[in-house]
Amino acid sequence: MKIQVDGKEVLNLNNTKKKVIQNDIPSEIFQEDMERRVSHVLQHKYERCFERLKRDWEPKLRERMSSIPTDSDELAELIFSQPDYKNRSQRESR
């Protein structure tokens, strides 16, 4: 089983590793369970990052504008469009 992100392999579970996992996870649902777990990890990471982004930027945006989007993608794009927004790499390159 190979797990890829944008076509790049990030994890390869060989047959032995799969068997180790199948010691606890039934073989019949192995594929589905692995997909669910990977999806959960990435979704959870997104949610925590979004919460921090929102917490940091909502007070600033309330001072700058009269309405703030409730849709998470729209809010994120609004934040990214702010002239003083910096992603982590930019913040750490001071």
PDB file of N, CA and C in Angstrom:
ATOM      1  N   MET A   1       0.858  -1.173   0.000  1.00  0.00           N
ATOM      2  CA  MET A   1       0.000   0.000   0.000  1.00  0.00           C
ATOM      3  C   MET A   1       0.893   1.222   0.000  1.00  0.00           C
ATOM      4  N   LYS A   2       0.675   2.084  -0.990  1.00  0.00           N
ATOM      5  CA  LYS A   2       1.438   3.319  -1.086  1.00  0.00           C
ATOM      6  C   LYS A   2       0.512   4.495  -0.838  1.00  0.00           C
ATOM      7  N   ILE A   3       0.964   5.418  -0.022  1.00  0.00           N
ATOM      8  CA  ILE A   3       0.211   6.639   0.236  1.00  0.00           C
ATOM      9  C   ILE A   3       0.976   7.766  -0.430  1.00  0.00           C
ATOM     10  N   GLN A   4       0.261   8.504  -1.287  1.00  0.00           N
ATOM     11  CA  GLN A   4       0.884   9.572  -2.060  1.00  0.00           C
ATOM     12  C   GLN A   4       0.188  10.897  -1.795  1.00  0.00           C
ATOM     13  N   VAL A   5       0.954  11.963  -1.910  1.00  0.00           N
ATOM     14  CA  VAL A   5       0.417  13.310  -1.856  1.00  0.00           C
ATOM     15  C   VAL A   5       0.910  14.016  -3.105  1.00  0.00           C
ATOM     16  N   ASP A   6      -0.016  14.495  -3.913  1.00  0.00           N
ATOM     17  CA  ASP A   6       0.328  15.138  -5.182  1.00  0.00           C
ATOM     18  C   ASP A   6       1.280  14.283  -6.004  1.00  0.00           C
ATOM     19  N   GLY A   7       1.021  12.986  -6.028  1.00  0.00           N
ATOM     20  CA  GLY A   7       1.809  12.071  -6.836  1.00  0.00           C
ATOM     21  C   GLY A   7       3.129  11.651  -6.238  1.00  0.00           C
ATOM     22  N   LYS A   8       3.482  12.175  -5.077  1.00  0.00           N
ATOM     23  CA  LYS A   8       4.744  11.805  -4.428  1.00  0.00           C
ATOM     24  C   LYS A   8       4.456  10.820  -3.295  1.00  0.00           C
ATOM     25  N   GLU A   9       5.163   9.710  -3.319  1.00  0.00           N
ATOM     26  CA  GLU A   9       4.982   8.700  -2.281  1.00  0.00           C
ATOM     27  C   GLU A   9       5.511   9.214  -0.949  1.00  0.00           C
ATOM     28  N   VAL A  10       4.646   9.172   0.074  1.00  0.00           N
ATOM     29  CA  VAL A  10       5.050   9.608   1.412  1.00  0.00           C
ATOM     30  C   VAL A  10       5.102   8.448   2.402  1.00  0.00           C
ATOM     31  N   LEU A  11       4.475   7.339   2.052  1.00  0.00           N
ATOM     32  CA  LEU A  11       4.507   6.161   2.921  1.00  0.00           C
ATOM     33  C   LEU A  11       4.230   4.928   2.089  1.00  0.00           C
ATOM     34  N   ASN A  12       4.996   3.883   2.369  1.00  0.00           N
ATOM     35  CA  ASN A  12       4.779   2.612   1.693  1.00  0.00           C
ATOM     36  C   ASN A  12       4.672   1.530   2.752  1.00  0.00           C
ATOM     37  N   LEU A  13       3.490   0.954   2.866  1.00  0.00           N
ATOM     38  CA  LEU A  13       3.301  -0.162   3.793  1.00  0.00           C
ATOM     39  C   LEU A  13       3.543  -1.452   3.024  1.00  0.00           C
ATOM     40  N   ASN A  14       4.651  -2.134   3.319  1.00  0.00           N
ATOM     41  CA  ASN A  14       4.889  -3.414   2.653  1.00  0.00           C
ATOM     42  C   ASN A  14       3.948  -4.467   3.252  1.00  0.00           C
ATOM     43  N   ASN A  15       3.991  -5.656   2.704  1.00  0.00           N
ATOM     44  CA  ASN A  15       3.064  -6.707   3.152  1.00  0.00           C
ATOM     45  C   ASN A  15       3.232  -7.030   4.632  1.00  0.00           C
ATOM     46  N   THR A  16       4.448  -7.002   5.137  1.00  0.00           N
ATOM     47  CA  THR A  16       4.674  -7.301   6.558  1.00  0.00           C
ATOM     48  C   THR A  16       4.023  -6.233   7.430  1.00  0.00           C
ATOM     49  N   LYS A  17       4.214  -4.971   7.064  1.00  0.00           N
ATOM     50  CA  LYS A  17       3.606  -3.889   7.836  1.00  0.00           C
ATOM     51  C   LYS A  17       2.087  -3.974   7.777  1.00  0.00           C
ATOM     52  N   LYS A  18       1.547  -4.310   6.622  1.00  0.00           N
ATOM     53  CA  LYS A  18       0.096  -4.472   6.502  1.00  0.00           C
ATOM     54  C   LYS A  18      -0.387  -5.594   7.414  1.00  0.00           C
ATOM     55  N   LYS A  19       0.348  -6.706   7.438  1.00  0.00           N
ATOM     56  CA  LYS A  19      -0.044  -7.829   8.292  1.00  0.00           C
ATOM     57  C   LYS A  19      -0.007  -7.448   9.766  1.00  0.00           C
ATOM     58  N   VAL A  20       0.991  -6.643  10.140  1.00  0.00           N
ATOM     59  CA  VAL A  20       1.073  -6.192  11.537  1.00  0.00           C
ATOM     60  C   VAL A  20      -0.186  -5.401  11.877  1.00  0.00           C
ATOM     61  N   ILE A  21      -0.571  -4.477  11.009  1.00  0.00           N
ATOM     62  CA  ILE A  21      -1.782  -3.675  11.255  1.00  0.00           C
ATOM     63  C   ILE A  21      -3.020  -4.567  11.248  1.00  0.00           C
ATOM     64  N   GLN A  22      -3.034  -5.546  10.353  1.00  0.00           N
ATOM     65  CA  GLN A  22      -4.188  -6.449  10.269  1.00  0.00           C
ATOM     66  C   GLN A  22      -4.280  -7.397  11.453  1.00  0.00           C
ATOM     67  N   ASN A  23      -3.274  -7.399  12.290  1.00  0.00           N
ATOM     68  CA  ASN A  23      -3.395  -8.129  13.546  1.00  0.00           C
ATOM     69  C   ASN A  23      -4.487  -7.502  14.416  1.00  0.00           C
ATOM     70  N   ASP A  24      -4.704  -6.185  14.245  1.00  0.00           N
ATOM     71  CA  ASP A  24      -5.733  -5.467  15.003  1.00  0.00           C
ATOM     72  C   ASP A  24      -6.917  -5.024  14.150  1.00  0.00           C
ATOM     73  N   ILE A  25      -6.692  -4.793  12.873  1.00  0.00           N
ATOM     74  CA  ILE A  25      -7.743  -4.307  11.972  1.00  0.00           C
ATOM     75  C   ILE A  25      -8.132  -5.454  11.035  1.00  0.00           C
ATOM     76  N   PRO A  26      -9.402  -5.816  10.963  1.00  0.00           N
ATOM     77  CA  PRO A  26      -9.809  -6.912  10.077  1.00  0.00           C
ATOM     78  C   PRO A  26      -9.390  -6.660   8.619  1.00  0.00           C
ATOM     79  N   SER A  27      -8.881  -7.693   7.986  1.00  0.00           N
ATOM     80  CA  SER A  27      -8.427  -7.600   6.590  1.00  0.00           C
ATOM     81  C   SER A  27      -9.523  -7.092   5.669  1.00  0.00           C
ATOM     82  N   GLU A  28     -10.775  -7.458   5.961  1.00  0.00           N
ATOM     83  CA  GLU A  28     -11.892  -7.089   5.099  1.00  0.00           C
ATOM     84  C   GLU A  28     -12.112  -5.572   5.038  1.00  0.00           C
ATOM     85  N   ILE A  29     -11.719  -4.862   6.072  1.00  0.00           N
ATOM     86  CA  ILE A  29     -11.931  -3.412   6.079  1.00  0.00           C
ATOM     87  C   ILE A  29     -10.615  -2.630   6.095  1.00  0.00           C
ATOM     88  N   PHE A  30      -9.508  -3.335   5.883  1.00  0.00           N
ATOM     89  CA  PHE A  30      -8.195  -2.715   5.984  1.00  0.00           C
ATOM     90  C   PHE A  30      -8.064  -1.479   5.086  1.00  0.00           C
ATOM     91  N   GLN A  31      -8.335  -1.627   3.807  1.00  0.00           N
ATOM     92  CA  GLN A  31      -8.177  -0.517   2.856  1.00  0.00           C
ATOM     93  C   GLN A  31      -9.046   0.672   3.265  1.00  0.00           C
ATOM     94  N   GLU A  32     -10.292   0.411   3.523  1.00  0.00           N
ATOM     95  CA  GLU A  32     -11.233   1.466   3.922  1.00  0.00           C
ATOM     96  C   GLU A  32     -10.786   2.132   5.227  1.00  0.00           C
ATOM     97  N   ASP A  33     -10.320   1.341   6.168  1.00  0.00           N
ATOM     98  CA  ASP A  33      -9.891   1.885   7.452  1.00  0.00           C
ATOM     99  C   ASP A  33      -8.645   2.758   7.302  1.00  0.00           C
ATOM    100  N   MET A  34      -7.699   2.336   6.472  1.00  0.00           N
ATOM    101  CA  MET A  34      -6.491   3.132   6.258  1.00  0.00           C
ATOM    102  C   MET A  34      -6.840   4.465   5.588  1.00  0.00           C
ATOM    103  N   GLU A  35      -7.735   4.440   4.613  1.00  0.00           N
ATOM    104  CA  GLU A  35      -8.171   5.673   3.948  1.00  0.00           C
ATOM    105  C   GLU A  35      -8.855   6.604   4.947  1.00  0.00           C
ATOM    106  N   ARG A  36      -9.699   6.044   5.785  1.00  0.00           N
ATOM    107  CA  ARG A  36     -10.395   6.842   6.794  1.00  0.00           C
ATOM    108  C   ARG A  36      -9.408   7.482   7.761  1.00  0.00           C
ATOM    109  N   ARG A  37      -8.409   6.732   8.183  1.00  0.00           N
ATOM    110  CA  ARG A  37      -7.424   7.251   9.137  1.00  0.00           C
ATOM    111  C   ARG A  37      -6.576   8.367   8.538  1.00  0.00           C
ATOM    112  N   VAL A  38      -6.116   8.191   7.316  1.00  0.00           N
ATOM    113  CA  VAL A  38      -5.320   9.236   6.660  1.00  0.00           C
ATOM    114  C   VAL A  38      -6.164  10.487   6.490  1.00  0.00           C
ATOM    115  N   SER A  39      -7.385  10.308   6.051  1.00  0.00           N
ATOM    116  CA  SER A  39      -8.291  11.446   5.882  1.00  0.00           C
ATOM    117  C   SER A  39      -8.510  12.161   7.207  1.00  0.00           C
ATOM    118  N   HIS A  40      -8.708  11.405   8.271  1.00  0.00           N
ATOM    119  CA  HIS A  40      -8.946  11.996   9.587  1.00  0.00           C
ATOM    120  C   HIS A  40      -7.742  12.818  10.060  1.00  0.00           C
ATOM    121  N   VAL A  41      -6.555  12.282   9.890  1.00  0.00           N
ATOM    122  CA  VAL A  41      -5.345  12.985  10.333  1.00  0.00           C
ATOM    123  C   VAL A  41      -5.217  14.325   9.615  1.00  0.00           C
ATOM    124  N   LEU A  42      -5.388  14.321   8.301  1.00  0.00           N
ATOM    125  CA  LEU A  42      -5.250  15.560   7.537  1.00  0.00           C
ATOM    126  C   LEU A  42      -6.377  16.545   7.835  1.00  0.00           C
ATOM    127  N   GLN A  43      -7.589  16.041   7.977  1.00  0.00           N
ATOM    128  CA  GLN A  43      -8.717  16.919   8.309  1.00  0.00           C
ATOM    129  C   GLN A  43      -8.526  17.541   9.687  1.00  0.00           C
ATOM    130  N   HIS A  44      -8.065  16.759  10.630  1.00  0.00           N
ATOM    131  CA  HIS A  44      -7.824  17.265  11.983  1.00  0.00           C
ATOM    132  C   HIS A  44      -6.740  18.347  11.974  1.00  0.00           C
ATOM    133  N   LYS A  45      -5.675  18.117  11.222  1.00  0.00           N
ATOM    134  CA  LYS A  45      -4.609  19.116  11.115  1.00  0.00           C
ATOM    135  C   LYS A  45      -5.157  20.411  10.522  1.00  0.00           C
ATOM    136  N   TYR A  46      -5.945  20.299   9.457  1.00  0.00           N
ATOM    137  CA  TYR A  46      -6.558  21.481   8.841  1.00  0.00           C
ATOM    138  C   TYR A  46      -7.413  22.237   9.864  1.00  0.00           C
ATOM    139  N   GLU A  47      -8.249  21.518  10.593  1.00  0.00           N
ATOM    140  CA  GLU A  47      -9.150  22.157  11.556  1.00  0.00           C
ATOM    141  C   GLU A  47      -8.388  22.908  12.644  1.00  0.00           C
ATOM    142  N   ARG A  48      -7.314  22.305  13.175  1.00  0.00           N
ATOM    143  CA  ARG A  48      -6.532  22.989  14.208  1.00  0.00           C
ATOM    144  C   ARG A  48      -5.838  24.226  13.636  1.00  0.00           C
ATOM    145  N   CYS A  49      -5.288  24.110  12.449  1.00  0.00           N
ATOM    146  CA  CYS A  49      -4.625  25.263  11.806  1.00  0.00           C
ATOM    147  C   CYS A  49      -5.630  26.375  11.517  1.00  0.00           C
ATOM    148  N   PHE A  50      -6.806  26.004  11.041  1.00  0.00           N
ATOM    149  CA  PHE A  50      -7.825  27.011  10.745  1.00  0.00           C
ATOM    150  C   PHE A  50      -8.271  27.715  12.025  1.00  0.00           C
ATOM    151  N   GLU A  51      -8.439  26.958  13.107  1.00  0.00           N
ATOM    152  CA  GLU A  51      -8.829  27.567  14.385  1.00  0.00           C
ATOM    153  C   GLU A  51      -7.811  28.616  14.830  1.00  0.00           C
ATOM    154  N   ARG A  52      -6.519  28.299  14.705  1.00  0.00           N
ATOM    155  CA  ARG A  52      -5.481  29.257  15.089  1.00  0.00           C
ATOM    156  C   ARG A  52      -5.486  30.479  14.171  1.00  0.00           C
ATOM    157  N   LEU A  53      -5.616  30.248  12.877  1.00  0.00           N
ATOM    158  CA  LEU A  53      -5.668  31.342  11.909  1.00  0.00           C
ATOM    159  C   LEU A  53      -6.834  32.263  12.219  1.00  0.00           C
ATOM    160  N   LYS A  54      -7.993  31.689  12.450  1.00  0.00           N
ATOM    161  CA  LYS A  54      -9.197  32.458  12.749  1.00  0.00           C
ATOM    162  C   LYS A  54      -9.050  33.228  14.058  1.00  0.00           C
ATOM    163  N   ARG A  55      -8.545  32.568  15.076  1.00  0.00           N
ATOM    164  CA  ARG A  55      -8.356  33.207  16.383  1.00  0.00           C
ATOM    165  C   ARG A  55      -7.393  34.395  16.284  1.00  0.00           C
ATOM    166  N   ASP A  56      -6.341  34.226  15.512  1.00  0.00           N
ATOM    167  CA  ASP A  56      -5.353  35.294  15.362  1.00  0.00           C
ATOM    168  C   ASP A  56      -5.880  36.469  14.536  1.00  0.00           C
ATOM    169  N   TRP A  57      -6.688  36.191  13.533  1.00  0.00           N
ATOM    170  CA  TRP A  57      -7.061  37.230  12.580  1.00  0.00           C
ATOM    171  C   TRP A  57      -8.434  37.847  12.774  1.00  0.00           C
ATOM    172  N   GLU A  58      -9.369  37.171  13.404  1.00  0.00           N
ATOM    173  CA  GLU A  58     -10.703  37.760  13.571  1.00  0.00           C
ATOM    174  C   GLU A  58     -10.663  39.119  14.270  1.00  0.00           C
ATOM    175  N   PRO A  59      -9.920  39.290  15.359  1.00  0.00           N
ATOM    176  CA  PRO A  59      -9.884  40.608  15.999  1.00  0.00           C
ATOM    177  C   PRO A  59      -9.347  41.699  15.059  1.00  0.00           C
ATOM    178  N   LYS A  60      -8.328  41.382  14.298  1.00  0.00           N
ATOM    179  CA  LYS A  60      -7.771  42.359  13.347  1.00  0.00           C
ATOM    180  C   LYS A  60      -8.790  42.720  12.278  1.00  0.00           C
ATOM    181  N   LEU A  61      -9.481  41.697  11.760  1.00  0.00           N
ATOM    182  CA  LEU A  61     -10.458  41.944  10.693  1.00  0.00           C
ATOM    183  C   LEU A  61     -11.645  42.746  11.202  1.00  0.00           C
ATOM    184  N   ARG A  62     -12.061  42.507  12.440  1.00  0.00           N
ATOM    185  CA  ARG A  62     -13.186  43.264  13.019  1.00  0.00           C
ATOM    186  C   ARG A  62     -12.859  44.759  13.087  1.00  0.00           C
ATOM    187  N   GLU A  63     -11.600  45.084  13.302  1.00  0.00           N
ATOM    188  CA  GLU A  63     -11.180  46.492  13.325  1.00  0.00           C
ATOM    189  C   GLU A  63     -11.138  47.099  11.926  1.00  0.00           C
ATOM    190  N   ARG A  64     -10.944  46.266  10.914  1.00  0.00           N
ATOM    191  CA  ARG A  64     -10.730  46.750   9.549  1.00  0.00           C
ATOM    192  C   ARG A  64     -11.978  46.773   8.682  1.00  0.00           C
ATOM    193  N   MET A  65     -12.947  45.951   8.978  1.00  0.00           N
ATOM    194  CA  MET A  65     -14.109  45.839   8.091  1.00  0.00           C
ATOM    195  C   MET A  65     -15.400  45.619   8.866  1.00  0.00           C
ATOM    196  N   SER A  66     -16.486  45.899   8.210  1.00  0.00           N
ATOM    197  CA  SER A  66     -17.791  45.825   8.873  1.00  0.00           C
ATOM    198  C   SER A  66     -18.382  44.422   8.872  1.00  0.00           C
ATOM    199  N   SER A  67     -17.996  43.586   7.911  1.00  0.00           N
ATOM    200  CA  SER A  67     -18.517  42.216   7.899  1.00  0.00           C
ATOM    201  C   SER A  67     -17.380  41.249   7.569  1.00  0.00           C
ATOM    202  N   ILE A  68     -17.493  40.088   8.161  1.00  0.00           N
ATOM    203  CA  ILE A  68     -16.493  39.040   7.981  1.00  0.00           C
ATOM    204  C   ILE A  68     -17.217  37.794   7.474  1.00  0.00           C
ATOM    205  N   PRO A  69     -16.671  37.134   6.458  1.00  0.00           N
ATOM    206  CA  PRO A  69     -17.336  35.934   5.933  1.00  0.00           C
ATOM    207  C   PRO A  69     -17.449  34.832   6.988  1.00  0.00           C
ATOM    208  N   THR A  70     -18.516  34.077   6.916  1.00  0.00           N
ATOM    209  CA  THR A  70     -18.674  32.926   7.805  1.00  0.00           C
ATOM    210  C   THR A  70     -18.170  31.645   7.148  1.00  0.00           C
ATOM    211  N   ASP A  71     -18.107  31.630   5.831  1.00  0.00           N
ATOM    212  CA  ASP A  71     -17.583  30.468   5.109  1.00  0.00           C
ATOM    213  C   ASP A  71     -16.076  30.374   5.362  1.00  0.00           C
ATOM    214  N   SER A  72     -15.597  29.199   5.735  1.00  0.00           N
ATOM    215  CA  SER A  72     -14.195  29.052   6.129  1.00  0.00           C
ATOM    216  C   SER A  72     -13.225  29.353   4.989  1.00  0.00           C
ATOM    217  N   ASP A  73     -13.526  28.912   3.770  1.00  0.00           N
ATOM    218  CA  ASP A  73     -12.636  29.208   2.647  1.00  0.00           C
ATOM    219  C   ASP A  73     -12.611  30.701   2.337  1.00  0.00           C
ATOM    220  N   GLU A  74     -13.771  31.327   2.369  1.00  0.00           N
ATOM    221  CA  GLU A  74     -13.826  32.767   2.112  1.00  0.00           C
ATOM    222  C   GLU A  74     -13.075  33.544   3.179  1.00  0.00           C
ATOM    223  N   LEU A  75     -13.229  33.142   4.432  1.00  0.00           N
ATOM    224  CA  LEU A  75     -12.517  33.809   5.520  1.00  0.00           C
ATOM    225  C   LEU A  75     -11.010  33.634   5.355  1.00  0.00           C
ATOM    226  N   ALA A  76     -10.579  32.446   5.052  1.00  0.00           N
ATOM    227  CA  ALA A  76      -9.147  32.195   4.866  1.00  0.00           C
ATOM    228  C   ALA A  76      -8.604  33.035   3.722  1.00  0.00           C
ATOM    229  N   GLU A  77      -9.313  33.103   2.605  1.00  0.00           N
ATOM    230  CA  GLU A  77      -8.843  33.887   1.466  1.00  0.00           C
ATOM    231  C   GLU A  77      -8.796  35.378   1.809  1.00  0.00           C
ATOM    232  N   LEU A  78      -9.744  35.836   2.599  1.00  0.00           N
ATOM    233  CA  LEU A  78      -9.723  37.236   3.041  1.00  0.00           C
ATOM    234  C   LEU A  78      -8.481  37.499   3.896  1.00  0.00           C
ATOM    235  N   ILE A  79      -8.195  36.588   4.791  1.00  0.00           N
ATOM    236  CA  ILE A  79      -7.006  36.724   5.638  1.00  0.00           C
ATOM    237  C   ILE A  79      -5.744  36.731   4.777  1.00  0.00           C
ATOM    238  N   PHE A  80      -5.659  35.797   3.835  1.00  0.00           N
ATOM    239  CA  PHE A  80      -4.472  35.705   2.979  1.00  0.00           C
ATOM    240  C   PHE A  80      -4.284  36.959   2.129  1.00  0.00           C
ATOM    241  N   SER A  81      -5.365  37.674   1.859  1.00  0.00           N
ATOM    242  CA  SER A  81      -5.271  38.875   1.021  1.00  0.00           C
ATOM    243  C   SER A  81      -4.837  40.116   1.800  1.00  0.00           C
ATOM    244  N   GLN A  82      -4.740  40.000   3.120  1.00  0.00           N
ATOM    245  CA  GLN A  82      -4.342  41.153   3.927  1.00  0.00           C
ATOM    246  C   GLN A  82      -2.863  41.468   3.692  1.00  0.00           C
ATOM    247  N   PRO A  83      -2.524  42.722   3.538  1.00  0.00           N
ATOM    248  CA  PRO A  83      -1.130  43.075   3.235  1.00  0.00           C
ATOM    249  C   PRO A  83      -0.141  42.674   4.324  1.00  0.00           C
ATOM    250  N   ASP A  84      -0.597  42.547   5.554  1.00  0.00           N
ATOM    251  CA  ASP A  84       0.308  42.166   6.636  1.00  0.00           C
ATOM    252  C   ASP A  84       0.248  40.675   6.987  1.00  0.00           C
ATOM    253  N   TYR A  85      -0.476  39.900   6.162  1.00  0.00           N
ATOM    254  CA  TYR A  85      -0.503  38.453   6.397  1.00  0.00           C
ATOM    255  C   TYR A  85       0.845  37.859   6.006  1.00  0.00           C
ATOM    256  N   LYS A  86       1.354  36.968   6.851  1.00  0.00           N
ATOM    257  CA  LYS A  86       2.571  36.224   6.555  1.00  0.00           C
ATOM    258  C   LYS A  86       2.357  34.783   6.963  1.00  0.00           C
ATOM    259  N   ASN A  87       2.737  33.856   6.077  1.00  0.00           N
ATOM    260  CA  ASN A  87       2.655  32.449   6.455  1.00  0.00           C
ATOM    261  C   ASN A  87       3.831  32.115   7.366  1.00  0.00           C
ATOM    262  N   ARG A  88       3.909  30.913   7.821  1.00  0.00           N
ATOM    263  CA  ARG A  88       4.927  30.565   8.816  1.00  0.00           C
ATOM    264  C   ARG A  88       6.345  30.777   8.299  1.00  0.00           C
ATOM    265  N   SER A  89       6.595  30.394   7.070  1.00  0.00           N
ATOM    266  CA  SER A  89       7.941  30.581   6.510  1.00  0.00           C
ATOM    267  C   SER A  89       8.310  32.059   6.493  1.00  0.00           C
ATOM    268  N   GLN A  90       7.365  32.893   6.111  1.00  0.00           N
ATOM    269  CA  GLN A  90       7.628  34.331   6.077  1.00  0.00           C
ATOM    270  C   GLN A  90       7.838  34.885   7.485  1.00  0.00           C
ATOM    271  N   ARG A  91       7.052  34.415   8.447  1.00  0.00           N
ATOM    272  CA  ARG A  91       7.195  34.902   9.829  1.00  0.00           C
ATOM    273  C   ARG A  91       8.545  34.498  10.419  1.00  0.00           C
ATOM    274  N   GLU A  92       9.017  33.315  10.076  1.00  0.00           N
ATOM    275  CA  GLU A  92      10.263  32.808  10.657  1.00  0.00           C
ATOM    276  C   GLU A  92      11.508  33.317   9.939  1.00  0.00           C
ATOM    277  N   SER A  93      11.368  33.949   8.800  1.00  0.00           N
ATOM    278  CA  SER A  93      12.541  34.398   8.042  1.00  0.00           C
ATOM    279  C   SER A  93      12.991  35.794   8.427  1.00  0.00           C
ATOM    280  N   ARG A  94      12.543  36.306   9.516  1.00  0.00           N
ATOM    281  CA  ARG A  94      12.897  37.657   9.968  1.00  0.00           C
ATOM    282  C   ARG A  94      14.363  37.814  10.175  1.00  0.00           C
TER     283      ARG A  94
END
